[in-house]
Amino acid sequence: MFRKLAAITVSALASMLVFVAYTGVSANCWFTTYEPDIPESLKHGD
C-alpha cells in the first residue's frame, strides 16, 4: 500500500516539476507577462 502511494506521489511531483520547467523556459513564459515601459533616457532619438 505504501509503495503504491509513494509511486503516485513521486509521479505527481515529477509532473508538476516538468510543468514548472516548461512554463519557465518557453518563449511565452506564462509568469512574466509584465513588460515595463522603456525609460526616456534609454530610447534612441531616431
Protein backbone atom coordinates (compact mmCIF):
# COMPACT_ATOMS: atom_id res chain seq x y z
CA MET A 1 0.00 0.00 0.00
CA PHE A 2 2.78 2.42 0.95
CA ARG A 3 4.74 1.70 -2.25
CA LYS A 4 1.72 2.45 -4.41
CA LEU A 5 1.07 5.74 -2.59
CA ALA A 6 4.75 6.68 -2.83
CA ALA A 7 4.79 5.93 -6.57
CA ILE A 8 1.72 8.10 -7.15
CA THR A 9 3.21 10.93 -5.08
CA VAL A 10 6.56 10.82 -6.88
CA SER A 11 4.81 10.70 -10.26
CA ALA A 12 2.65 13.72 -9.40
CA LEU A 13 5.67 15.65 -8.13
CA ALA A 14 7.62 14.88 -11.31
CA SER A 15 4.69 16.04 -13.44
CA MET A 16 4.48 19.31 -11.52
CA LEU A 17 8.22 19.91 -11.89
CA VAL A 18 8.07 19.28 -15.63
CA PHE A 19 5.17 21.74 -15.93
CA VAL A 20 7.05 24.43 -13.98
CA ALA A 21 10.22 23.87 -16.01
CA TYR A 22 8.31 24.06 -19.29
CA THR A 23 6.50 27.28 -18.42
CA GLY A 24 9.73 28.90 -17.27
CA VAL A 25 11.66 28.02 -20.43
CA SER A 26 9.02 28.54 -23.11
CA ALA A 27 9.13 31.59 -25.37
CA ASN A 28 5.80 32.80 -23.97
CA CYS A 29 6.58 32.49 -20.32
CA TRP A 30 3.20 32.47 -18.55
CA PHE A 31 4.52 34.01 -15.36
CA THR A 32 6.26 37.04 -16.91
CA THR A 33 3.57 38.86 -18.82
CA TYR A 34 4.51 42.27 -17.39
CA GLU A 35 6.72 44.41 -19.62
CA PRO A 36 7.76 47.73 -18.08
CA ASP A 37 7.97 50.91 -20.17
CA ILE A 38 11.38 51.88 -21.53
CA PRO A 39 12.77 54.98 -19.78
CA GLU A 40 13.16 58.06 -21.97
CA SER A 41 16.92 58.12 -21.31
CA LEU A 42 17.30 54.70 -22.96
CA LYS A 43 15.22 55.44 -26.07
CA HIS A 44 17.05 56.28 -29.28
CA GLY A 45 16.35 59.62 -30.95
CA ASP A 46 15.76 58.04 -34.40
